[in-house]
Amino acid sequence: MRFKKAQSSANQLAKTAISNGPIKGINRKIKALKRIHYGFKNIDHFYARILLIVK
């Protein structure tokens, strides 16, 4: 069962050539930023930094 599901996913990836790697990279950067900004009072600065990371 697992092999068929994995094979289906692999076939789909080969057809579309779309990867979720860039999204995972952005999420990793946001999580690191969250750790850095723990305890800061101004949430607007946090959101501004996220926008700088994403662009």
PDB file of N, CA and C in Angstrom:
ATOM      1  N   MET A   1       0.829  -1.193   0.000  1.00  0.00           N
ATOM      2  CA  MET A   1       0.000   0.000   0.000  1.00  0.00           C
ATOM      3  C   MET A   1       0.877   1.261   0.000  1.00  0.00           C
ATOM      4  N   ARG A   2       1.841   1.291   0.895  1.00  0.00           N
ATOM      5  CA  ARG A   2       2.706   2.470   0.976  1.00  0.00           C
ATOM      6  C   ARG A   2       3.496   2.680  -0.310  1.00  0.00           C
ATOM      7  N   PHE A   3       3.972   1.573  -0.863  1.00  0.00           N
ATOM      8  CA  PHE A   3       4.781   1.684  -2.062  1.00  0.00           C
ATOM      9  C   PHE A   3       3.964   2.260  -3.216  1.00  0.00           C
ATOM     10  N   LYS A   4       2.729   1.824  -3.356  1.00  0.00           N
ATOM     11  CA  LYS A   4       1.890   2.329  -4.447  1.00  0.00           C
ATOM     12  C   LYS A   4       1.622   3.820  -4.282  1.00  0.00           C
ATOM     13  N   LYS A   5       1.392   4.249  -3.035  1.00  0.00           N
ATOM     14  CA  LYS A   5       1.152   5.667  -2.783  1.00  0.00           C
ATOM     15  C   LYS A   5       2.408   6.480  -3.101  1.00  0.00           C
ATOM     16  N   ALA A   6       3.561   5.987  -2.667  1.00  0.00           N
ATOM     17  CA  ALA A   6       4.818   6.682  -2.933  1.00  0.00           C
ATOM     18  C   ALA A   6       5.119   6.691  -4.428  1.00  0.00           C
ATOM     19  N   GLN A   7       4.824   5.600  -5.093  1.00  0.00           N
ATOM     20  CA  GLN A   7       5.060   5.534  -6.528  1.00  0.00           C
ATOM     21  C   GLN A   7       4.153   6.516  -7.263  1.00  0.00           C
ATOM     22  N   SER A   8       2.916   6.613  -6.820  1.00  0.00           N
ATOM     23  CA  SER A   8       1.986   7.562  -7.428  1.00  0.00           C
ATOM     24  C   SER A   8       2.482   8.993  -7.235  1.00  0.00           C
ATOM     25  N   SER A   9       2.958   9.309  -6.040  1.00  0.00           N
ATOM     26  CA  SER A   9       3.489  10.646  -5.772  1.00  0.00           C
ATOM     27  C   SER A   9       4.715  10.936  -6.624  1.00  0.00           C
ATOM     28  N   ALA A  10       5.577   9.950  -6.759  1.00  0.00           N
ATOM     29  CA  ALA A  10       6.783  10.125  -7.563  1.00  0.00           C
ATOM     30  C   ALA A  10       6.428  10.335  -9.033  1.00  0.00           C
ATOM     31  N   ASN A  11       5.446   9.601  -9.511  1.00  0.00           N
ATOM     32  CA  ASN A  11       5.021   9.771 -10.904  1.00  0.00           C
ATOM     33  C   ASN A  11       4.444  11.163 -11.126  1.00  0.00           C
ATOM     34  N   GLN A  12       3.649  11.629 -10.184  1.00  0.00           N
ATOM     35  CA  GLN A  12       3.059  12.957 -10.302  1.00  0.00           C
ATOM     36  C   GLN A  12       4.143  14.036 -10.303  1.00  0.00           C
ATOM     37  N   LEU A  13       5.136  13.879  -9.455  1.00  0.00           N
ATOM     38  CA  LEU A  13       6.231  14.838  -9.405  1.00  0.00           C
ATOM     39  C   LEU A  13       6.994  14.861 -10.725  1.00  0.00           C
ATOM     40  N   ALA A  14       7.196  13.700 -11.311  1.00  0.00           N
ATOM     41  CA  ALA A  14       7.913  13.634 -12.581  1.00  0.00           C
ATOM     42  C   ALA A  14       7.118  14.309 -13.694  1.00  0.00           C
ATOM     43  N   LYS A  15       5.812  14.226 -13.636  1.00  0.00           N
ATOM     44  CA  LYS A  15       4.974  14.833 -14.670  1.00  0.00           C
ATOM     45  C   LYS A  15       4.936  16.353 -14.549  1.00  0.00           C
ATOM     46  N   THR A  16       4.816  16.858 -13.327  1.00  0.00           N
ATOM     47  CA  THR A  16       4.623  18.296 -13.145  1.00  0.00           C
ATOM     48  C   THR A  16       5.915  19.053 -12.888  1.00  0.00           C
ATOM     49  N   ALA A  17       6.891  18.414 -12.293  1.00  0.00           N
ATOM     50  CA  ALA A  17       8.179  19.035 -11.942  1.00  0.00           C
ATOM     51  C   ALA A  17       7.990  20.236 -11.008  1.00  0.00           C
ATOM     52  N   ILE A  18       6.999  20.132 -10.129  1.00  0.00           N
ATOM     53  CA  ILE A  18       6.760  21.174  -9.132  1.00  0.00           C
ATOM     54  C   ILE A  18       7.267  20.666  -7.789  1.00  0.00           C
ATOM     55  N   SER A  19       7.975  21.521  -7.075  1.00  0.00           N
ATOM     56  CA  SER A  19       8.535  21.143  -5.787  1.00  0.00           C
ATOM     57  C   SER A  19       8.006  22.056  -4.692  1.00  0.00           C
ATOM     58  N   ASN A  20       7.871  21.517  -3.489  1.00  0.00           N
ATOM     59  CA  ASN A  20       7.462  22.334  -2.358  1.00  0.00           C
ATOM     60  C   ASN A  20       8.682  22.844  -1.581  1.00  0.00           C
ATOM     61  N   GLY A  21       9.862  22.664  -2.126  1.00  0.00           N
ATOM     62  CA  GLY A  21      11.089  23.101  -1.480  1.00  0.00           C
ATOM     63  C   GLY A  21      11.132  24.590  -1.164  1.00  0.00           C
ATOM     64  N   PRO A  22      10.754  25.470  -2.113  1.00  0.00           N
ATOM     65  CA  PRO A  22      10.783  26.905  -1.804  1.00  0.00           C
ATOM     66  C   PRO A  22       9.856  27.291  -0.648  1.00  0.00           C
ATOM     67  N   ILE A  23       8.688  26.673  -0.571  1.00  0.00           N
ATOM     68  CA  ILE A  23       7.758  26.975   0.522  1.00  0.00           C
ATOM     69  C   ILE A  23       8.330  26.501   1.854  1.00  0.00           C
ATOM     70  N   LYS A  24       8.935  25.327   1.849  1.00  0.00           N
ATOM     71  CA  LYS A  24       9.548  24.820   3.084  1.00  0.00           C
ATOM     72  C   LYS A  24      10.687  25.738   3.534  1.00  0.00           C
ATOM     73  N   GLY A  25      11.434  26.273   2.576  1.00  0.00           N
ATOM     74  CA  GLY A  25      12.520  27.194   2.917  1.00  0.00           C
ATOM     75  C   GLY A  25      11.997  28.476   3.551  1.00  0.00           C
ATOM     76  N   ILE A  26      10.903  29.009   3.002  1.00  0.00           N
ATOM     77  CA  ILE A  26      10.306  30.224   3.574  1.00  0.00           C
ATOM     78  C   ILE A  26       9.786  29.940   4.971  1.00  0.00           C
ATOM     79  N   ASN A  27       9.117  28.799   5.153  1.00  0.00           N
ATOM     80  CA  ASN A  27       8.606  28.445   6.485  1.00  0.00           C
ATOM     81  C   ASN A  27       9.736  28.302   7.496  1.00  0.00           C
ATOM     82  N   ARG A  28      10.863  27.733   7.050  1.00  0.00           N
ATOM     83  CA  ARG A  28      12.012  27.584   7.954  1.00  0.00           C
ATOM     84  C   ARG A  28      12.540  28.947   8.388  1.00  0.00           C
ATOM     85  N   LYS A  29      12.604  29.888   7.443  1.00  0.00           N
ATOM     86  CA  LYS A  29      13.076  31.231   7.776  1.00  0.00           C
ATOM     87  C   LYS A  29      12.120  31.937   8.731  1.00  0.00           C
ATOM     88  N   ILE A  30      10.817  31.761   8.537  1.00  0.00           N
ATOM     89  CA  ILE A  30       9.829  32.386   9.428  1.00  0.00           C
ATOM     90  C   ILE A  30       9.931  31.791  10.824  1.00  0.00           C
ATOM     91  N   LYS A  31      10.125  30.484  10.928  1.00  0.00           N
ATOM     92  CA  LYS A  31      10.266  29.849  12.247  1.00  0.00           C
ATOM     93  C   LYS A  31      11.518  30.343  12.961  1.00  0.00           C
ATOM     94  N   ALA A  32      12.601  30.516  12.219  1.00  0.00           N
ATOM     95  CA  ALA A  32      13.824  31.049  12.823  1.00  0.00           C
ATOM     96  C   ALA A  32      13.603  32.480  13.295  1.00  0.00           C
ATOM     97  N   LEU A  33      12.880  33.262  12.510  1.00  0.00           N
ATOM     98  CA  LEU A  33      12.571  34.636  12.896  1.00  0.00           C
ATOM     99  C   LEU A  33      11.704  34.668  14.152  1.00  0.00           C
ATOM    100  N   LYS A  34      10.758  33.726  14.259  1.00  0.00           N
ATOM    101  CA  LYS A  34       9.922  33.641  15.453  1.00  0.00           C
ATOM    102  C   LYS A  34      10.770  33.392  16.699  1.00  0.00           C
ATOM    103  N   ARG A  35      11.766  32.521  16.563  1.00  0.00           N
ATOM    104  CA  ARG A  35      12.643  32.245  17.709  1.00  0.00           C
ATOM    105  C   ARG A  35      13.440  33.488  18.093  1.00  0.00           C
ATOM    106  N   ILE A  36      13.879  34.243  17.107  1.00  0.00           N
ATOM    107  CA  ILE A  36      14.657  35.453  17.376  1.00  0.00           C
ATOM    108  C   ILE A  36      13.793  36.518  18.038  1.00  0.00           C
ATOM    109  N   HIS A  37      12.539  36.668  17.584  1.00  0.00           N
ATOM    110  CA  HIS A  37      11.656  37.737  18.049  1.00  0.00           C
ATOM    111  C   HIS A  37      10.820  37.354  19.260  1.00  0.00           C
ATOM    112  N   TYR A  38      11.123  36.258  19.898  1.00  0.00           N
ATOM    113  CA  TYR A  38      10.357  35.849  21.072  1.00  0.00           C
ATOM    114  C   TYR A  38      10.459  36.918  22.161  1.00  0.00           C
ATOM    115  N   GLY A  39       9.320  37.410  22.613  1.00  0.00           N
ATOM    116  CA  GLY A  39       9.301  38.398  23.681  1.00  0.00           C
ATOM    117  C   GLY A  39       9.208  39.838  23.197  1.00  0.00           C
ATOM    118  N   PHE A  40       9.313  40.075  21.914  1.00  0.00           N
ATOM    119  CA  PHE A  40       9.167  41.435  21.413  1.00  0.00           C
ATOM    120  C   PHE A  40       7.712  41.859  21.522  1.00  0.00           C
ATOM    121  N   LYS A  41       7.479  43.122  21.824  1.00  0.00           N
ATOM    122  CA  LYS A  41       6.121  43.600  22.056  1.00  0.00           C
ATOM    123  C   LYS A  41       5.404  44.030  20.794  1.00  0.00           C
ATOM    124  N   ASN A  42       6.127  44.489  19.786  1.00  0.00           N
ATOM    125  CA  ASN A  42       5.490  45.034  18.591  1.00  0.00           C
ATOM    126  C   ASN A  42       5.398  43.961  17.506  1.00  0.00           C
ATOM    127  N   ILE A  43       4.210  43.440  17.313  1.00  0.00           N
ATOM    128  CA  ILE A  43       3.993  42.379  16.335  1.00  0.00           C
ATOM    129  C   ILE A  43       4.086  42.906  14.902  1.00  0.00           C
ATOM    130  N   ASP A  44       3.843  44.196  14.711  1.00  0.00           N
ATOM    131  CA  ASP A  44       3.923  44.780  13.373  1.00  0.00           C
ATOM    132  C   ASP A  44       5.335  44.689  12.795  1.00  0.00           C
ATOM    133  N   HIS A  45       6.338  44.820  13.647  1.00  0.00           N
ATOM    134  CA  HIS A  45       7.723  44.693  13.191  1.00  0.00           C
ATOM    135  C   HIS A  45       8.000  43.263  12.737  1.00  0.00           C
ATOM    136  N   PHE A  46       7.414  42.309  13.454  1.00  0.00           N
ATOM    137  CA  PHE A  46       7.571  40.904  13.093  1.00  0.00           C
ATOM    138  C   PHE A  46       6.987  40.642  11.708  1.00  0.00           C
ATOM    139  N   TYR A  47       5.778  41.141  11.461  1.00  0.00           N
ATOM    140  CA  TYR A  47       5.143  40.954  10.152  1.00  0.00           C
ATOM    141  C   TYR A  47       5.929  41.654   9.049  1.00  0.00           C
ATOM    142  N   ALA A  48       6.480  42.816   9.352  1.00  0.00           N
ATOM    143  CA  ALA A  48       7.286  43.533   8.357  1.00  0.00           C
ATOM    144  C   ALA A  48       8.534  42.728   8.006  1.00  0.00           C
ATOM    145  N   ARG A  49       9.143  42.110   9.003  1.00  0.00           N
ATOM    146  CA  ARG A  49      10.328  41.292   8.739  1.00  0.00           C
ATOM    147  C   ARG A  49       9.987  40.075   7.906  1.00  0.00           C
ATOM    148  N   ILE A  50       8.801  39.483   8.152  1.00  0.00           N
ATOM    149  CA  ILE A  50       8.362  38.348   7.340  1.00  0.00           C
ATOM    150  C   ILE A  50       8.227  38.767   5.883  1.00  0.00           C
ATOM    151  N   LEU A  51       7.625  39.923   5.657  1.00  0.00           N
ATOM    152  CA  LEU A  51       7.472  40.397   4.280  1.00  0.00           C
ATOM    153  C   LEU A  51       8.823  40.649   3.618  1.00  0.00           C
ATOM    154  N   LEU A  52       9.797  41.106   4.383  1.00  0.00           N
ATOM    155  CA  LEU A  52      11.139  41.294   3.820  1.00  0.00           C
ATOM    156  C   LEU A  52      11.791  39.954   3.455  1.00  0.00           C
ATOM    157  N   ILE A  53      11.530  38.941   4.246  1.00  0.00           N
ATOM    158  CA  ILE A  53      12.105  37.610   3.980  1.00  0.00           C
ATOM    159  C   ILE A  53      11.485  37.016   2.730  1.00  0.00           C
ATOM    160  N   VAL A  54      10.168  37.159   2.602  1.00  0.00           N
ATOM    161  CA  VAL A  54       9.459  36.500   1.505  1.00  0.00           C
ATOM    162  C   VAL A  54       9.798  37.116   0.159  1.00  0.00           C
ATOM    163  N   LYS A  55      10.007  38.415   0.115  1.00  0.00           N
ATOM    164  CA  LYS A  55      10.263  39.081  -1.169  1.00  0.00           C
ATOM    165  C   LYS A  55      11.685  38.959  -1.609  1.00  0.00           C
TER     166      LYS A  55
END
